[in-house]
Amino acid sequence: MSKTKTLRKIRKRLFFRSLALQSSWTSRRMQSLGLIYVLYPWLESSSLLLKEKVIFCRRHLAYFNTNPYYANFLIGGLIRLEDENCEHPEHLISSYKESLGRALASLGDQLFWLGLRPALLSLSIVTGLCCGPQTALLPVLLFAIAQLILRWKSLNIGFELGLDIADLMTKSVWHKSIGIARHVATLLAGILAGLVVVWVYQNSDTTGAVSNIYVMVTGVISFVILKRKMPVEGIVLTMLPVLAVLSYL
């Protein structure tokens, strides 16, 4: 079976299974069980002997972790390498998975968790304030569609490139997208802060100037706490007494 037919035959199954990559996440092996689940359609359609299938599962049950949105670049490449297993030694496949997984984890975490997530949160709030609460989830919906397209296309890209994906990883677009996402998140945070100040000013006669000052001071304190990356339980324990005091003012 040709390489193209191999992927075409199982591509939809790989794609839908990749959405559940983290469903069996464990602190010991991270996403390894999820990876086996995703790769199973290839294993099922392969001509490997039972002993070879056992070796395959043991190889991919080792510690594995990467960013779920970028994971299909790696999964497509793994399918390609496993399909050419006679040409590549086992240690090369494991090294490919480990090194590429770390690189995609670093790039993906910076883009999605530190850039797009705060940007989407701010954009949803700004959209809801400006266009009505019914539009607040529109940015999240658009992101959900975009990430599905990314997962689908990256599966094919990874399969086509195989080991040559190293050339793709050297392109500047990865870091440029991270920078753009962070700048957009900062801009939207500034817009949101401006909208809060305007709202406080317009409602000062209704809510009272003192109450509005408390709200703004609490917002600044919350920002400082989050900036210092305090544990979640620390934030909760800090904010509870503050909110209890404010409720009596």
C-alpha atoms as a PDB file:
ATOM      1  CA  MET A   1       0.000   0.000   0.000  1.00  0.00           C
ATOM      2  CA  SER A   2       1.365   3.446  -0.946  1.00  0.00           C
ATOM      3  CA  LYS A   3       2.023   6.128   1.648  1.00  0.00           C
ATOM      4  CA  THR A   4      -0.830   8.310   0.348  1.00  0.00           C
ATOM      5  CA  LYS A   5      -3.342   5.469   0.470  1.00  0.00           C
ATOM      6  CA  THR A   6      -2.201   4.547   3.977  1.00  0.00           C
ATOM      7  CA  LEU A   7      -3.149   7.943   5.361  1.00  0.00           C
ATOM      8  CA  ARG A   8      -6.250   8.385   3.193  1.00  0.00           C
ATOM      9  CA  LYS A   9      -7.655   5.118   4.478  1.00  0.00           C
ATOM     10  CA  ILE A  10      -7.430   5.981   8.162  1.00  0.00           C
ATOM     11  CA  ARG A  11      -7.206   9.797   8.188  1.00  0.00           C
ATOM     12  CA  LYS A  12     -10.738  10.454   9.485  1.00  0.00           C
ATOM     13  CA  ARG A  13     -10.334   7.900  12.257  1.00  0.00           C
ATOM     14  CA  LEU A  14      -6.989   9.399  13.268  1.00  0.00           C
ATOM     15  CA  PHE A  15      -8.481  12.887  13.279  1.00  0.00           C
ATOM     16  CA  PHE A  16     -11.471  12.086  15.483  1.00  0.00           C
ATOM     17  CA  ARG A  17      -9.373   9.999  17.844  1.00  0.00           C
ATOM     18  CA  SER A  18      -6.801  12.804  18.159  1.00  0.00           C
ATOM     19  CA  LEU A  19      -9.499  14.946  19.805  1.00  0.00           C
ATOM     20  CA  ALA A  20      -9.361  12.500  22.729  1.00  0.00           C
ATOM     21  CA  LEU A  21      -5.567  12.537  23.050  1.00  0.00           C
ATOM     22  CA  GLN A  22      -5.726  13.749  26.672  1.00  0.00           C
ATOM     23  CA  SER A  23      -8.691  11.638  27.750  1.00  0.00           C
ATOM     24  CA  SER A  24      -6.406   9.077  29.451  1.00  0.00           C
ATOM     25  CA  TRP A  25      -3.885  11.571  30.814  1.00  0.00           C
ATOM     26  CA  THR A  26      -1.814  10.354  33.772  1.00  0.00           C
ATOM     27  CA  SER A  27       0.855  12.106  35.794  1.00  0.00           C
ATOM     28  CA  ARG A  28       3.283   9.240  35.187  1.00  0.00           C
ATOM     29  CA  ARG A  29       3.091   8.829  31.414  1.00  0.00           C
ATOM     30  CA  MET A  30       1.091  11.916  30.442  1.00  0.00           C
ATOM     31  CA  GLN A  31      -0.564  11.335  27.036  1.00  0.00           C
ATOM     32  CA  SER A  32       0.924   7.924  26.181  1.00  0.00           C
ATOM     33  CA  LEU A  33      -2.359   5.988  26.514  1.00  0.00           C
ATOM     34  CA  GLY A  34      -4.119   8.607  24.429  1.00  0.00           C
ATOM     35  CA  LEU A  35      -1.398   8.325  21.784  1.00  0.00           C
ATOM     36  CA  ILE A  36      -1.868   4.547  21.557  1.00  0.00           C
ATOM     37  CA  TYR A  37      -5.607   5.129  21.149  1.00  0.00           C
ATOM     38  CA  VAL A  38      -4.981   7.587  18.306  1.00  0.00           C
ATOM     39  CA  LEU A  39      -2.468   5.328  16.526  1.00  0.00           C
ATOM     40  CA  TYR A  40      -4.603   2.192  16.829  1.00  0.00           C
ATOM     41  CA  PRO A  41      -6.294   2.544  13.386  1.00  0.00           C
ATOM     42  CA  TRP A  42      -2.875   2.296  11.746  1.00  0.00           C
ATOM     43  CA  LEU A  43      -1.919  -0.669  13.934  1.00  0.00           C
ATOM     44  CA  GLU A  44      -5.196  -2.390  13.099  1.00  0.00           C
ATOM     45  CA  SER A  45      -4.718  -1.949   9.335  1.00  0.00           C
ATOM     46  CA  SER A  46      -1.027  -2.903   9.351  1.00  0.00           C
ATOM     47  CA  SER A  47       0.384  -6.296   8.422  1.00  0.00           C
ATOM     48  CA  LEU A  48       2.469  -6.564  11.600  1.00  0.00           C
ATOM     49  CA  LEU A  49       2.684  -9.849  13.422  1.00  0.00           C
ATOM     50  CA  LEU A  50       1.294 -10.100  16.956  1.00  0.00           C
ATOM     51  CA  LYS A  51       4.795  -9.891  18.449  1.00  0.00           C
ATOM     52  CA  GLU A  52       5.538  -6.755  16.401  1.00  0.00           C
ATOM     53  CA  LYS A  53       2.265  -5.172  17.526  1.00  0.00           C
ATOM     54  CA  VAL A  54       3.235  -5.795  21.159  1.00  0.00           C
ATOM     55  CA  ILE A  55       6.592  -4.097  20.541  1.00  0.00           C
ATOM     56  CA  PHE A  56       4.762  -1.191  18.868  1.00  0.00           C
ATOM     57  CA  CYS A  57       2.507  -0.689  21.907  1.00  0.00           C
ATOM     58  CA  ARG A  58       5.397  -0.900  24.356  1.00  0.00           C
ATOM     59  CA  ARG A  59       7.352   1.654  22.351  1.00  0.00           C
ATOM     60  CA  HIS A  60       4.541   4.204  22.384  1.00  0.00           C
ATOM     61  CA  LEU A  61       3.452   3.561  25.973  1.00  0.00           C
ATOM     62  CA  ALA A  62       6.614   5.325  27.115  1.00  0.00           C
ATOM     63  CA  TYR A  63       6.342   8.835  28.565  1.00  0.00           C
ATOM     64  CA  PHE A  64       4.849  11.216  26.003  1.00  0.00           C
ATOM     65  CA  ASN A  65       3.611  14.784  26.258  1.00  0.00           C
ATOM     66  CA  THR A  66       3.005  17.563  23.756  1.00  0.00           C
ATOM     67  CA  ASN A  67       0.573  20.383  23.059  1.00  0.00           C
ATOM     68  CA  PRO A  68      -2.788  18.866  21.992  1.00  0.00           C
ATOM     69  CA  TYR A  69      -3.443  21.512  19.323  1.00  0.00           C
ATOM     70  CA  TYR A  70      -0.120  20.819  17.587  1.00  0.00           C
ATOM     71  CA  ALA A  71      -0.074  17.074  18.301  1.00  0.00           C
ATOM     72  CA  ASN A  72      -1.239  16.048  14.829  1.00  0.00           C
ATOM     73  CA  PHE A  73       1.979  17.305  13.253  1.00  0.00           C
ATOM     74  CA  LEU A  74       3.712  14.629  15.306  1.00  0.00           C
ATOM     75  CA  ILE A  75       1.023  11.958  14.908  1.00  0.00           C
ATOM     76  CA  GLY A  76       1.071  12.280  11.114  1.00  0.00           C
ATOM     77  CA  GLY A  77       4.851  11.967  11.144  1.00  0.00           C
ATOM     78  CA  LEU A  78       4.734   8.919  13.430  1.00  0.00           C
ATOM     79  CA  ILE A  79       2.341   7.167  11.057  1.00  0.00           C
ATOM     80  CA  ARG A  80       4.748   7.887   8.217  1.00  0.00           C
ATOM     81  CA  LEU A  81       7.761   6.547  10.132  1.00  0.00           C
ATOM     82  CA  GLU A  82       5.927   3.463  11.378  1.00  0.00           C
ATOM     83  CA  ASP A  83       4.791   2.804   7.816  1.00  0.00           C
ATOM     84  CA  GLU A  84       8.463   2.855   6.826  1.00  0.00           C
ATOM     85  CA  ASN A  85       9.646   1.010   9.929  1.00  0.00           C
ATOM     86  CA  CYS A  86      11.908  -1.244   7.871  1.00  0.00           C
ATOM     87  CA  GLU A  87      13.827   1.884   6.805  1.00  0.00           C
ATOM     88  CA  HIS A  88      14.114   3.487  10.249  1.00  0.00           C
ATOM     89  CA  PRO A  89      15.485   1.877  13.417  1.00  0.00           C
ATOM     90  CA  GLU A  90      13.300   1.852  16.514  1.00  0.00           C
ATOM     91  CA  HIS A  91      15.464   4.310  18.430  1.00  0.00           C
ATOM     92  CA  LEU A  92      15.048   6.876  15.615  1.00  0.00           C
ATOM     93  CA  ILE A  93      11.253   6.721  15.889  1.00  0.00           C
ATOM     94  CA  SER A  94      11.420   7.153  19.668  1.00  0.00           C
ATOM     95  CA  SER A  95      13.877  10.030  19.354  1.00  0.00           C
ATOM     96  CA  TYR A  96      11.651  11.697  16.737  1.00  0.00           C
ATOM     97  CA  LYS A  97       8.622  11.441  19.002  1.00  0.00           C
ATOM     98  CA  GLU A  98      10.448  12.741  22.062  1.00  0.00           C
ATOM     99  CA  SER A  99      12.277  15.681  20.460  1.00  0.00           C
ATOM    100  CA  LEU A 100       9.409  16.852  18.257  1.00  0.00           C
ATOM    101  CA  GLY A 101       6.940  16.423  21.130  1.00  0.00           C
ATOM    102  CA  ARG A 102       9.007  18.730  23.356  1.00  0.00           C
ATOM    103  CA  ALA A 103       9.384  21.343  20.614  1.00  0.00           C
ATOM    104  CA  LEU A 104       5.666  21.383  19.806  1.00  0.00           C
ATOM    105  CA  ALA A 105       4.807  21.466  23.518  1.00  0.00           C
ATOM    106  CA  SER A 106       6.950  24.567  24.046  1.00  0.00           C
ATOM    107  CA  LEU A 107       5.646  26.406  20.972  1.00  0.00           C
ATOM    108  CA  GLY A 108       2.039  25.368  21.536  1.00  0.00           C
ATOM    109  CA  ASP A 109       1.978  26.274  25.218  1.00  0.00           C
ATOM    110  CA  GLN A 110       3.345  29.742  24.459  1.00  0.00           C
ATOM    111  CA  LEU A 111       0.879  30.344  21.648  1.00  0.00           C
ATOM    112  CA  PHE A 112      -2.310  28.808  23.039  1.00  0.00           C
ATOM    113  CA  TRP A 113      -2.013  29.022  26.830  1.00  0.00           C
ATOM    114  CA  LEU A 114      -0.045  32.290  27.158  1.00  0.00           C
ATOM    115  CA  GLY A 115      -1.277  34.085  24.041  1.00  0.00           C
ATOM    116  CA  LEU A 116      -4.578  32.944  22.561  1.00  0.00           C
ATOM    117  CA  ARG A 117      -6.321  31.929  25.789  1.00  0.00           C
ATOM    118  CA  PRO A 118      -6.078  35.358  27.493  1.00  0.00           C
ATOM    119  CA  ALA A 119      -6.772  37.038  24.134  1.00  0.00           C
ATOM    120  CA  LEU A 120      -9.941  34.980  23.617  1.00  0.00           C
ATOM    121  CA  LEU A 121     -11.113  35.642  27.166  1.00  0.00           C
ATOM    122  CA  SER A 122     -10.637  39.398  26.776  1.00  0.00           C
ATOM    123  CA  LEU A 123     -12.194  39.392  23.296  1.00  0.00           C
ATOM    124  CA  SER A 124     -15.256  37.484  24.541  1.00  0.00           C
ATOM    125  CA  ILE A 125     -15.788  39.969  27.368  1.00  0.00           C
ATOM    126  CA  VAL A 126     -15.256  42.988  25.100  1.00  0.00           C
ATOM    127  CA  THR A 127     -17.613  41.525  22.475  1.00  0.00           C
ATOM    128  CA  GLY A 128     -20.241  40.824  25.115  1.00  0.00           C
ATOM    129  CA  LEU A 129     -20.010  44.345  26.545  1.00  0.00           C
ATOM    130  CA  CYS A 130     -20.117  46.061  23.150  1.00  0.00           C
ATOM    131  CA  CYS A 131     -22.468  43.823  21.147  1.00  0.00           C
ATOM    132  CA  GLY A 132     -24.575  42.115  23.782  1.00  0.00           C
ATOM    133  CA  PRO A 133     -24.159  38.992  25.912  1.00  0.00           C
ATOM    134  CA  GLN A 134     -25.448  36.731  23.105  1.00  0.00           C
ATOM    135  CA  THR A 135     -22.300  37.466  21.081  1.00  0.00           C
ATOM    136  CA  ALA A 136     -19.804  36.759  23.881  1.00  0.00           C
ATOM    137  CA  LEU A 137     -19.220  33.144  22.813  1.00  0.00           C
ATOM    138  CA  LEU A 138     -18.742  33.991  19.132  1.00  0.00           C
ATOM    139  CA  PRO A 139     -14.893  34.308  19.422  1.00  0.00           C
ATOM    140  CA  VAL A 140     -14.769  30.943  21.218  1.00  0.00           C
ATOM    141  CA  LEU A 141     -16.865  29.350  18.462  1.00  0.00           C
ATOM    142  CA  LEU A 142     -14.581  30.745  15.748  1.00  0.00           C
ATOM    143  CA  PHE A 143     -11.531  29.460  17.638  1.00  0.00           C
ATOM    144  CA  ALA A 144     -13.108  26.002  17.959  1.00  0.00           C
ATOM    145  CA  ILE A 145     -13.621  25.849  14.181  1.00  0.00           C
ATOM    146  CA  ALA A 146     -10.103  27.158  13.452  1.00  0.00           C
ATOM    147  CA  GLN A 147      -8.401  24.624  15.727  1.00  0.00           C
ATOM    148  CA  LEU A 148     -10.310  21.762  14.089  1.00  0.00           C
ATOM    149  CA  ILE A 149      -9.059  22.913  10.680  1.00  0.00           C
ATOM    150  CA  LEU A 150      -5.523  23.139  12.086  1.00  0.00           C
ATOM    151  CA  ARG A 151      -5.713  19.608  13.490  1.00  0.00           C
ATOM    152  CA  TRP A 152      -7.000  18.220  10.182  1.00  0.00           C
ATOM    153  CA  LYS A 153      -4.368  19.915   7.991  1.00  0.00           C
ATOM    154  CA  SER A 154      -1.456  19.316  10.373  1.00  0.00           C
ATOM    155  CA  LEU A 155      -2.127  15.559  10.289  1.00  0.00           C
ATOM    156  CA  ASN A 156      -1.509  15.530   6.553  1.00  0.00           C
ATOM    157  CA  ILE A 157       1.481  17.901   6.783  1.00  0.00           C
ATOM    158  CA  GLY A 158       3.188  15.711   9.376  1.00  0.00           C
ATOM    159  CA  PHE A 159       2.612  12.596   7.277  1.00  0.00           C
ATOM    160  CA  GLU A 160       3.968  14.200   4.103  1.00  0.00           C
ATOM    161  CA  LEU A 161       7.086  15.614   5.772  1.00  0.00           C
ATOM    162  CA  GLY A 162       8.068  12.769   8.091  1.00  0.00           C
ATOM    163  CA  LEU A 163      11.620  13.417   9.265  1.00  0.00           C
ATOM    164  CA  ASP A 164      11.759  16.546   7.093  1.00  0.00           C
ATOM    165  CA  ILE A 165       9.452  18.310   9.554  1.00  0.00           C
ATOM    166  CA  ALA A 166      12.674  19.586  11.152  1.00  0.00           C
ATOM    167  CA  ASP A 167      12.872  22.078   8.267  1.00  0.00           C
ATOM    168  CA  LEU A 168       9.350  23.287   9.038  1.00  0.00           C
ATOM    169  CA  MET A 169      10.228  23.797  12.702  1.00  0.00           C
ATOM    170  CA  THR A 170      12.999  26.259  11.771  1.00  0.00           C
ATOM    171  CA  LYS A 171      10.596  28.698  10.109  1.00  0.00           C
ATOM    172  CA  SER A 172      10.004  32.030  11.843  1.00  0.00           C
ATOM    173  CA  VAL A 173       6.209  31.792  11.565  1.00  0.00           C
ATOM    174  CA  TRP A 174       6.027  29.800  14.821  1.00  0.00           C
ATOM    175  CA  HIS A 175       7.562  32.564  16.958  1.00  0.00           C
ATOM    176  CA  LYS A 176       5.893  35.353  14.976  1.00  0.00           C
ATOM    177  CA  SER A 177       2.464  33.873  15.712  1.00  0.00           C
ATOM    178  CA  ILE A 178       3.343  33.716  19.422  1.00  0.00           C
ATOM    179  CA  GLY A 179       4.398  37.378  19.400  1.00  0.00           C
ATOM    180  CA  ILE A 180       1.240  38.457  17.556  1.00  0.00           C
ATOM    181  CA  ALA A 181      -0.999  36.512  19.948  1.00  0.00           C
ATOM    182  CA  ARG A 182       0.640  38.111  22.987  1.00  0.00           C
ATOM    183  CA  HIS A 183       0.413  41.619  21.514  1.00  0.00           C
ATOM    184  CA  VAL A 184      -3.257  41.091  20.687  1.00  0.00           C
ATOM    185  CA  ALA A 185      -3.897  39.808  24.218  1.00  0.00           C
ATOM    186  CA  THR A 186      -2.201  42.905  25.679  1.00  0.00           C
ATOM    187  CA  LEU A 187      -4.183  45.217  23.388  1.00  0.00           C
ATOM    188  CA  LEU A 188      -7.508  43.590  24.277  1.00  0.00           C
ATOM    189  CA  ALA A 189      -6.642  43.729  27.987  1.00  0.00           C
ATOM    190  CA  GLY A 190      -6.056  47.481  27.593  1.00  0.00           C
ATOM    191  CA  ILE A 191      -9.377  47.907  25.785  1.00  0.00           C
ATOM    192  CA  LEU A 192     -11.153  45.940  28.494  1.00  0.00           C
ATOM    193  CA  ALA A 193      -9.549  48.041  31.217  1.00  0.00           C
ATOM    194  CA  GLY A 194     -10.664  51.188  29.399  1.00  0.00           C
ATOM    195  CA  LEU A 195     -14.233  49.903  29.149  1.00  0.00           C
ATOM    196  CA  VAL A 196     -14.245  49.178  32.894  1.00  0.00           C
ATOM    197  CA  VAL A 197     -13.051  52.720  33.672  1.00  0.00           C
ATOM    198  CA  VAL A 198     -15.742  54.173  31.388  1.00  0.00           C
ATOM    199  CA  TRP A 199     -18.399  51.991  33.025  1.00  0.00           C
ATOM    200  CA  VAL A 200     -17.265  53.064  36.500  1.00  0.00           C
ATOM    201  CA  TYR A 201     -17.414  56.734  35.491  1.00  0.00           C
ATOM    202  CA  GLN A 202     -20.865  56.450  33.891  1.00  0.00           C
ATOM    203  CA  ASN A 203     -22.350  54.593  36.860  1.00  0.00           C
ATOM    204  CA  SER A 204     -20.688  56.558  39.637  1.00  0.00           C
ATOM    205  CA  ASP A 205     -23.954  58.323  40.487  1.00  0.00           C
ATOM    206  CA  THR A 206     -25.819  55.014  40.834  1.00  0.00           C
ATOM    207  CA  THR A 207     -23.314  52.796  42.601  1.00  0.00           C
ATOM    208  CA  GLY A 208     -21.380  55.450  44.462  1.00  0.00           C
ATOM    209  CA  ALA A 209     -17.817  56.600  43.946  1.00  0.00           C
ATOM    210  CA  VAL A 210     -16.454  54.706  46.963  1.00  0.00           C
ATOM    211  CA  SER A 211     -17.816  51.365  45.757  1.00  0.00           C
ATOM    212  CA  ASN A 212     -16.352  51.939  42.309  1.00  0.00           C
ATOM    213  CA  ILE A 213     -12.952  52.685  43.810  1.00  0.00           C
ATOM    214  CA  TYR A 214     -13.137  49.402  45.733  1.00  0.00           C
ATOM    215  CA  VAL A 215     -13.933  47.541  42.501  1.00  0.00           C
ATOM    216  CA  MET A 216     -10.947  49.097  40.690  1.00  0.00           C
ATOM    217  CA  VAL A 217      -8.572  48.473  43.593  1.00  0.00           C
ATOM    218  CA  THR A 218      -9.715  44.837  43.788  1.00  0.00           C
ATOM    219  CA  GLY A 219      -9.078  44.481  40.043  1.00  0.00           C
ATOM    220  CA  VAL A 220      -5.531  45.812  40.425  1.00  0.00           C
ATOM    221  CA  ILE A 221      -4.830  43.479  43.361  1.00  0.00           C
ATOM    222  CA  SER A 222      -6.156  40.513  41.376  1.00  0.00           C
ATOM    223  CA  PHE A 223      -3.883  41.420  38.460  1.00  0.00           C
ATOM    224  CA  VAL A 224      -0.822  41.580  40.716  1.00  0.00           C
ATOM    225  CA  ILE A 225      -1.678  38.212  42.284  1.00  0.00           C
ATOM    226  CA  LEU A 226      -2.108  36.553  38.892  1.00  0.00           C
ATOM    227  CA  LYS A 227       1.078  38.157  37.590  1.00  0.00           C
ATOM    228  CA  ARG A 228       3.046  36.521  40.390  1.00  0.00           C
ATOM    229  CA  LYS A 229       1.584  33.120  39.407  1.00  0.00           C
ATOM    230  CA  MET A 230       0.287  32.280  42.850  1.00  0.00           C
ATOM    231  CA  PRO A 231      -1.318  28.822  43.289  1.00  0.00           C
ATOM    232  CA  VAL A 232      -5.061  28.720  42.665  1.00  0.00           C
ATOM    233  CA  GLU A 233      -5.809  27.821  46.273  1.00  0.00           C
ATOM    234  CA  GLY A 234      -3.768  30.840  47.396  1.00  0.00           C
ATOM    235  CA  ILE A 235      -5.781  33.152  45.147  1.00  0.00           C
ATOM    236  CA  VAL A 236      -9.076  31.742  46.466  1.00  0.00           C
ATOM    237  CA  LEU A 237      -8.003  32.054  50.115  1.00  0.00           C
ATOM    238  CA  THR A 238      -6.829  35.627  49.476  1.00  0.00           C
ATOM    239  CA  MET A 239      -9.929  36.790  47.630  1.00  0.00           C
ATOM    240  CA  LEU A 240     -12.544  35.257  49.965  1.00  0.00           C
ATOM    241  CA  PRO A 241     -11.902  37.600  52.908  1.00  0.00           C
ATOM    242  CA  VAL A 242     -11.560  40.548  50.534  1.00  0.00           C
ATOM    243  CA  LEU A 243     -14.939  39.816  48.963  1.00  0.00           C
ATOM    244  CA  ALA A 244     -16.478  39.273  52.419  1.00  0.00           C
ATOM    245  CA  VAL A 245     -15.284  42.714  53.542  1.00  0.00           C
ATOM    246  CA  LEU A 246     -16.470  44.406  50.342  1.00  0.00           C
ATOM    247  CA  SER A 247     -19.948  42.893  50.752  1.00  0.00           C
ATOM    248  CA  TYR A 248     -20.437  44.954  53.937  1.00  0.00           C
ATOM    249  CA  LEU A 249     -19.264  48.267  52.448  1.00  0.00           C
END
